[in-house]
Amino acid sequence: AFPIENKKVAMHKMHETIYLSKIQTDLLTDLLYNVGYKEKPTTRSIIKCYYPHNAILFMNSNKKVFAYIELCFTCEKNVLSSEKIKTGEFCTEKYELLKQLFKKFGIKYTGDQFN
C-alpha cells in the first residue's frame, strides 16, 4: 500500500520518484481531465487485487505532499486522497494512456511492468 508515516507521505519508502516539468504536468493534467467516457459504460470486468504500485503526488513549492492519486494498473482501480481531486472517470483506455505517458516520462516500474 501507499507509504504513510505520521499522517504524511513517506517519500524515503518510494521505489521510484519522478518530478514533472511544466510540459509533463500539462500532458498529465490534460489526460486526467479530458479523457473519459462519452457515455456511461454498461459493463466492466472486475479484478479485486488493488495493490497500487504507482501514485501521482501533488506537492507544494516546499515538496510537501498535499494530495495524491493511488493507481493500480493491474485491476484498474484508484484511490484519491481527497474529494477535492477531480479526475473524471477512469476507463481502460485512460489507464493505458497513463501507462504510456508514465513510460514516456521515464517511469520504469508498475505492478505489471511497462514492457
N, C-alpha and C. Protein backbone atom coordinates (compact mmCIF):
# COMPACT_ATOMS: atom_id res chain seq x y z
N ALA A 1 0.84 -1.20 0.00
CA ALA A 1 0.00 0.00 0.00
C ALA A 1 0.88 1.25 0.00
N PHE A 2 0.26 2.36 -0.09
CA PHE A 2 0.93 3.66 -0.16
C PHE A 2 1.64 3.94 1.16
N PRO A 3 2.93 4.33 1.14
CA PRO A 3 3.68 4.52 2.39
C PRO A 3 3.33 5.83 3.11
N ILE A 4 2.63 5.71 4.22
CA ILE A 4 2.26 6.86 5.04
C ILE A 4 2.85 6.65 6.44
N GLU A 5 3.51 7.67 6.96
CA GLU A 5 4.03 7.65 8.33
C GLU A 5 3.66 8.96 9.00
N ASN A 6 3.12 8.88 10.19
CA ASN A 6 2.72 10.08 10.93
C ASN A 6 1.84 11.00 10.09
N LYS A 7 0.90 10.38 9.37
CA LYS A 7 -0.07 11.10 8.53
C LYS A 7 0.58 11.88 7.38
N LYS A 8 1.80 11.50 6.99
CA LYS A 8 2.50 12.14 5.88
C LYS A 8 3.01 11.07 4.93
N VAL A 9 3.19 11.43 3.67
CA VAL A 9 3.75 10.50 2.69
C VAL A 9 5.21 10.25 3.02
N ALA A 10 5.58 8.98 3.12
CA ALA A 10 6.96 8.59 3.44
C ALA A 10 7.75 8.50 2.13
N MET A 11 8.27 9.63 1.70
CA MET A 11 8.99 9.70 0.42
C MET A 11 10.19 8.76 0.39
N HIS A 12 10.86 8.55 1.52
CA HIS A 12 12.04 7.69 1.56
C HIS A 12 11.69 6.22 1.30
N LYS A 13 10.42 5.86 1.34
CA LYS A 13 10.00 4.49 1.07
C LYS A 13 9.52 4.29 -0.36
N MET A 14 9.56 5.34 -1.16
CA MET A 14 9.15 5.23 -2.55
C MET A 14 10.21 4.47 -3.34
N HIS A 15 9.76 3.59 -4.21
CA HIS A 15 10.67 2.81 -5.05
C HIS A 15 11.31 3.68 -6.13
N GLU A 16 10.51 4.60 -6.68
CA GLU A 16 10.98 5.45 -7.76
C GLU A 16 10.20 6.76 -7.70
N THR A 17 10.87 7.88 -7.90
CA THR A 17 10.23 9.19 -7.86
C THR A 17 10.66 10.00 -9.07
N ILE A 18 9.70 10.60 -9.75
CA ILE A 18 9.96 11.46 -10.90
C ILE A 18 9.26 12.79 -10.62
N TYR A 19 9.99 13.90 -10.76
CA TYR A 19 9.39 15.23 -10.65
C TYR A 19 9.12 15.72 -12.06
N LEU A 20 7.89 16.13 -12.33
CA LEU A 20 7.49 16.51 -13.68
C LEU A 20 7.83 17.97 -14.00
N SER A 21 8.18 18.18 -15.26
CA SER A 21 8.37 19.54 -15.76
C SER A 21 7.00 20.16 -16.00
N LYS A 22 6.97 21.41 -16.34
CA LYS A 22 5.70 22.10 -16.64
C LYS A 22 5.00 21.43 -17.81
N ILE A 23 5.75 21.11 -18.85
CA ILE A 23 5.17 20.45 -20.03
C ILE A 23 4.61 19.08 -19.66
N GLN A 24 5.36 18.31 -18.88
CA GLN A 24 4.89 16.99 -18.45
C GLN A 24 3.63 17.12 -17.58
N THR A 25 3.61 18.11 -16.71
CA THR A 25 2.44 18.35 -15.86
C THR A 25 1.23 18.68 -16.72
N ASP A 26 1.42 19.49 -17.75
CA ASP A 26 0.32 19.82 -18.66
C ASP A 26 -0.19 18.58 -19.39
N LEU A 27 0.71 17.71 -19.84
CA LEU A 27 0.31 16.47 -20.51
C LEU A 27 -0.49 15.58 -19.57
N LEU A 28 -0.03 15.45 -18.33
CA LEU A 28 -0.72 14.62 -17.36
C LEU A 28 -2.09 15.18 -17.01
N THR A 29 -2.18 16.46 -16.74
CA THR A 29 -3.48 17.04 -16.38
C THR A 29 -4.45 17.01 -17.56
N ASP A 30 -3.95 17.18 -18.77
CA ASP A 30 -4.81 17.06 -19.94
C ASP A 30 -5.41 15.66 -20.01
N LEU A 31 -4.60 14.65 -19.78
CA LEU A 31 -5.09 13.27 -19.81
C LEU A 31 -6.08 13.02 -18.68
N LEU A 32 -5.77 13.48 -17.47
CA LEU A 32 -6.67 13.24 -16.34
C LEU A 32 -8.02 13.93 -16.51
N TYR A 33 -8.01 15.16 -16.98
CA TYR A 33 -9.24 15.94 -17.04
C TYR A 33 -10.02 15.82 -18.34
N ASN A 34 -9.36 15.43 -19.42
CA ASN A 34 -10.04 15.47 -20.72
C ASN A 34 -10.25 14.12 -21.38
N VAL A 35 -9.85 13.03 -20.74
CA VAL A 35 -10.07 11.70 -21.28
C VAL A 35 -11.04 10.99 -20.36
N GLY A 36 -12.08 10.40 -20.94
CA GLY A 36 -13.06 9.67 -20.15
C GLY A 36 -14.17 9.15 -21.04
N TYR A 37 -15.19 8.63 -20.43
CA TYR A 37 -16.32 8.09 -21.16
C TYR A 37 -17.14 9.19 -21.81
N LYS A 38 -17.59 8.93 -23.03
CA LYS A 38 -18.56 9.83 -23.64
C LYS A 38 -19.95 9.45 -23.15
N GLU A 39 -20.15 8.17 -22.93
CA GLU A 39 -21.40 7.66 -22.37
C GLU A 39 -21.04 6.71 -21.24
N LYS A 40 -21.93 6.57 -20.30
CA LYS A 40 -21.70 5.67 -19.17
C LYS A 40 -21.61 4.23 -19.68
N PRO A 41 -20.55 3.48 -19.33
CA PRO A 41 -20.45 2.09 -19.79
C PRO A 41 -21.49 1.21 -19.11
N THR A 42 -21.86 0.14 -19.78
CA THR A 42 -22.85 -0.76 -19.21
C THR A 42 -22.21 -2.00 -18.59
N THR A 43 -20.99 -2.33 -18.99
CA THR A 43 -20.30 -3.48 -18.41
C THR A 43 -18.86 -3.11 -18.10
N ARG A 44 -18.27 -3.88 -17.18
CA ARG A 44 -16.87 -3.67 -16.82
C ARG A 44 -16.36 -4.94 -16.17
N SER A 45 -15.16 -5.36 -16.55
CA SER A 45 -14.57 -6.52 -15.90
C SER A 45 -14.00 -6.08 -14.55
N ILE A 46 -14.09 -6.97 -13.58
CA ILE A 46 -13.64 -6.61 -12.24
C ILE A 46 -12.57 -7.59 -11.78
N ILE A 47 -11.45 -7.04 -11.38
CA ILE A 47 -10.39 -7.80 -10.73
C ILE A 47 -10.22 -7.14 -9.37
N LYS A 48 -10.15 -7.92 -8.33
CA LYS A 48 -10.16 -7.35 -6.99
C LYS A 48 -8.80 -7.37 -6.31
N CYS A 49 -7.74 -7.14 -7.04
CA CYS A 49 -6.41 -7.22 -6.43
C CYS A 49 -6.07 -5.97 -5.63
N TYR A 50 -6.40 -4.82 -6.08
CA TYR A 50 -5.98 -3.50 -5.62
C TYR A 50 -4.72 -3.51 -4.75
N TYR A 51 -3.61 -3.49 -5.45
CA TYR A 51 -2.30 -3.35 -4.83
C TYR A 51 -1.57 -2.27 -5.62
N PRO A 52 -1.77 -1.01 -5.26
CA PRO A 52 -1.22 0.09 -6.06
C PRO A 52 0.30 0.16 -6.02
N HIS A 53 0.89 0.21 -7.20
CA HIS A 53 2.33 0.35 -7.32
C HIS A 53 2.72 1.75 -7.78
N ASN A 54 1.74 2.56 -8.13
CA ASN A 54 2.02 3.89 -8.64
C ASN A 54 1.11 4.91 -7.97
N ALA A 55 1.58 6.15 -7.97
CA ALA A 55 0.78 7.25 -7.43
C ALA A 55 1.21 8.54 -8.10
N ILE A 56 0.29 9.45 -8.19
CA ILE A 56 0.57 10.80 -8.63
C ILE A 56 0.49 11.66 -7.38
N LEU A 57 1.60 12.31 -7.03
CA LEU A 57 1.65 13.13 -5.83
C LEU A 57 1.56 14.60 -6.21
N PHE A 58 0.76 15.34 -5.50
CA PHE A 58 0.66 16.78 -5.70
C PHE A 58 1.40 17.45 -4.56
N MET A 59 2.42 18.26 -4.91
CA MET A 59 3.30 18.86 -3.91
C MET A 59 3.27 20.37 -4.00
N ASN A 60 3.50 21.01 -2.86
CA ASN A 60 3.64 22.46 -2.87
C ASN A 60 5.09 22.82 -3.20
N SER A 61 5.43 24.09 -3.17
CA SER A 61 6.78 24.53 -3.54
C SER A 61 7.86 24.02 -2.59
N ASN A 62 7.48 23.58 -1.40
CA ASN A 62 8.42 23.01 -0.43
C ASN A 62 8.50 21.49 -0.53
N LYS A 63 7.93 20.93 -1.61
CA LYS A 63 7.87 19.49 -1.85
C LYS A 63 7.12 18.74 -0.76
N LYS A 64 6.15 19.40 -0.15
CA LYS A 64 5.27 18.74 0.82
C LYS A 64 4.03 18.26 0.07
N VAL A 65 3.73 16.96 0.19
CA VAL A 65 2.58 16.37 -0.49
C VAL A 65 1.30 16.85 0.18
N PHE A 66 0.39 17.39 -0.64
CA PHE A 66 -0.89 17.82 -0.08
C PHE A 66 -2.07 17.01 -0.63
N ALA A 67 -1.82 16.20 -1.66
CA ALA A 67 -2.85 15.32 -2.20
C ALA A 67 -2.18 14.27 -3.08
N TYR A 68 -2.90 13.17 -3.33
CA TYR A 68 -2.34 12.12 -4.19
C TYR A 68 -3.44 11.28 -4.82
N ILE A 69 -3.04 10.59 -5.89
CA ILE A 69 -3.90 9.61 -6.55
C ILE A 69 -3.12 8.30 -6.57
N GLU A 70 -3.61 7.27 -5.90
CA GLU A 70 -3.00 5.94 -5.96
C GLU A 70 -3.54 5.24 -7.20
N LEU A 71 -2.69 4.47 -7.88
CA LEU A 71 -3.10 3.77 -9.09
C LEU A 71 -2.68 2.31 -9.05
N CYS A 72 -3.61 1.43 -9.41
CA CYS A 72 -3.29 0.02 -9.62
C CYS A 72 -3.58 -0.27 -11.08
N PHE A 73 -2.53 -0.46 -11.88
CA PHE A 73 -2.71 -0.73 -13.29
C PHE A 73 -3.21 -2.14 -13.55
N THR A 74 -3.06 -3.05 -12.61
CA THR A 74 -3.49 -4.43 -12.80
C THR A 74 -5.01 -4.54 -12.76
N CYS A 75 -5.64 -3.99 -11.72
CA CYS A 75 -7.10 -4.08 -11.61
C CYS A 75 -7.81 -2.80 -12.05
N GLU A 76 -7.03 -1.81 -12.44
CA GLU A 76 -7.56 -0.53 -12.93
C GLU A 76 -8.47 0.16 -11.92
N LYS A 77 -8.00 0.19 -10.69
CA LYS A 77 -8.70 0.94 -9.65
C LYS A 77 -7.77 2.03 -9.14
N ASN A 78 -8.36 3.01 -8.47
CA ASN A 78 -7.56 4.09 -7.91
C ASN A 78 -8.22 4.60 -6.64
N VAL A 79 -7.43 5.31 -5.86
CA VAL A 79 -7.92 5.95 -4.64
C VAL A 79 -7.43 7.39 -4.66
N LEU A 80 -8.34 8.31 -4.43
CA LEU A 80 -8.00 9.73 -4.35
C LEU A 80 -7.89 10.10 -2.88
N SER A 81 -6.88 10.88 -2.52
CA SER A 81 -6.68 11.25 -1.12
C SER A 81 -7.72 12.25 -0.63
N SER A 82 -8.41 12.89 -1.55
CA SER A 82 -9.37 13.91 -1.17
C SER A 82 -10.50 13.98 -2.19
N GLU A 83 -11.68 14.33 -1.73
CA GLU A 83 -12.80 14.54 -2.65
C GLU A 83 -12.59 15.78 -3.51
N LYS A 84 -11.63 16.60 -3.14
CA LYS A 84 -11.34 17.82 -3.91
C LYS A 84 -10.64 17.51 -5.23
N ILE A 85 -10.04 16.33 -5.34
CA ILE A 85 -9.36 15.94 -6.58
C ILE A 85 -10.42 15.49 -7.57
N LYS A 86 -10.45 16.11 -8.72
CA LYS A 86 -11.41 15.78 -9.77
C LYS A 86 -10.62 15.31 -10.99
N THR A 87 -10.78 14.05 -11.35
CA THR A 87 -10.01 13.49 -12.46
C THR A 87 -10.89 13.00 -13.60
N GLY A 88 -12.18 13.13 -13.47
CA GLY A 88 -13.05 12.49 -14.44
C GLY A 88 -13.07 11.01 -14.15
N GLU A 89 -13.72 10.27 -15.00
CA GLU A 89 -13.82 8.83 -14.79
C GLU A 89 -12.61 8.12 -15.40
N PHE A 90 -12.19 7.08 -14.73
CA PHE A 90 -11.10 6.26 -15.24
C PHE A 90 -11.71 5.11 -16.03
N CYS A 91 -11.11 4.81 -17.17
CA CYS A 91 -11.53 3.70 -18.01
C CYS A 91 -10.27 2.96 -18.46
N THR A 92 -10.46 1.82 -19.11
CA THR A 92 -9.32 1.02 -19.57
C THR A 92 -8.40 1.84 -20.46
N GLU A 93 -8.99 2.63 -21.36
CA GLU A 93 -8.18 3.44 -22.27
C GLU A 93 -7.38 4.50 -21.51
N LYS A 94 -7.98 5.08 -20.47
CA LYS A 94 -7.28 6.11 -19.69
C LYS A 94 -6.09 5.48 -18.96
N TYR A 95 -6.29 4.28 -18.41
CA TYR A 95 -5.17 3.60 -17.75
C TYR A 95 -4.06 3.30 -18.75
N GLU A 96 -4.43 2.88 -19.95
CA GLU A 96 -3.42 2.58 -20.97
C GLU A 96 -2.68 3.85 -21.37
N LEU A 97 -3.39 4.96 -21.54
CA LEU A 97 -2.74 6.23 -21.87
C LEU A 97 -1.84 6.71 -20.73
N LEU A 98 -2.28 6.53 -19.48
CA LEU A 98 -1.43 6.88 -18.33
C LEU A 98 -0.16 6.04 -18.31
N LYS A 99 -0.33 4.75 -18.58
CA LYS A 99 0.82 3.85 -18.60
C LYS A 99 1.83 4.30 -19.66
N GLN A 100 1.35 4.64 -20.85
CA GLN A 100 2.24 5.11 -21.92
C GLN A 100 2.88 6.44 -21.56
N LEU A 101 2.13 7.34 -20.92
CA LEU A 101 2.68 8.63 -20.51
C LEU A 101 3.74 8.44 -19.43
N PHE A 102 3.49 7.57 -18.46
CA PHE A 102 4.48 7.28 -17.42
C PHE A 102 5.76 6.75 -18.06
N LYS A 103 5.61 5.83 -19.01
CA LYS A 103 6.76 5.26 -19.71
C LYS A 103 7.54 6.37 -20.44
N LYS A 104 6.82 7.28 -21.10
CA LYS A 104 7.44 8.40 -21.80
C LYS A 104 8.22 9.29 -20.83
N PHE A 105 7.70 9.46 -19.61
CA PHE A 105 8.35 10.29 -18.60
C PHE A 105 9.57 9.60 -17.98
N GLY A 106 9.75 8.31 -18.28
CA GLY A 106 10.91 7.60 -17.75
C GLY A 106 10.61 6.79 -16.51
N ILE A 107 9.36 6.63 -16.16
CA ILE A 107 9.00 5.80 -15.02
C ILE A 107 9.11 4.35 -15.46
N LYS A 108 9.87 3.56 -14.72
CA LYS A 108 10.22 2.22 -15.14
C LYS A 108 9.35 1.12 -14.55
N TYR A 109 8.69 1.37 -13.44
CA TYR A 109 8.07 0.28 -12.69
C TYR A 109 6.58 0.48 -12.46
N THR A 110 5.83 -0.58 -12.66
CA THR A 110 4.45 -0.68 -12.19
C THR A 110 4.26 -2.11 -11.73
N GLY A 111 3.14 -2.38 -11.16
CA GLY A 111 2.85 -3.75 -10.71
C GLY A 111 2.89 -4.76 -11.83
N ASP A 112 2.51 -4.35 -13.03
CA ASP A 112 2.51 -5.29 -14.16
C ASP A 112 3.62 -4.98 -15.16
N GLN A 113 4.55 -4.09 -14.80
CA GLN A 113 5.67 -3.68 -15.64
C GLN A 113 5.18 -2.98 -16.90
N PHE A 114 5.97 -2.13 -17.47
CA PHE A 114 5.58 -1.41 -18.68
C PHE A 114 5.95 -2.17 -19.94
N ASN A 115 6.89 -3.05 -19.90
CA ASN A 115 7.26 -3.82 -21.10
C ASN A 115 7.21 -5.28 -20.82
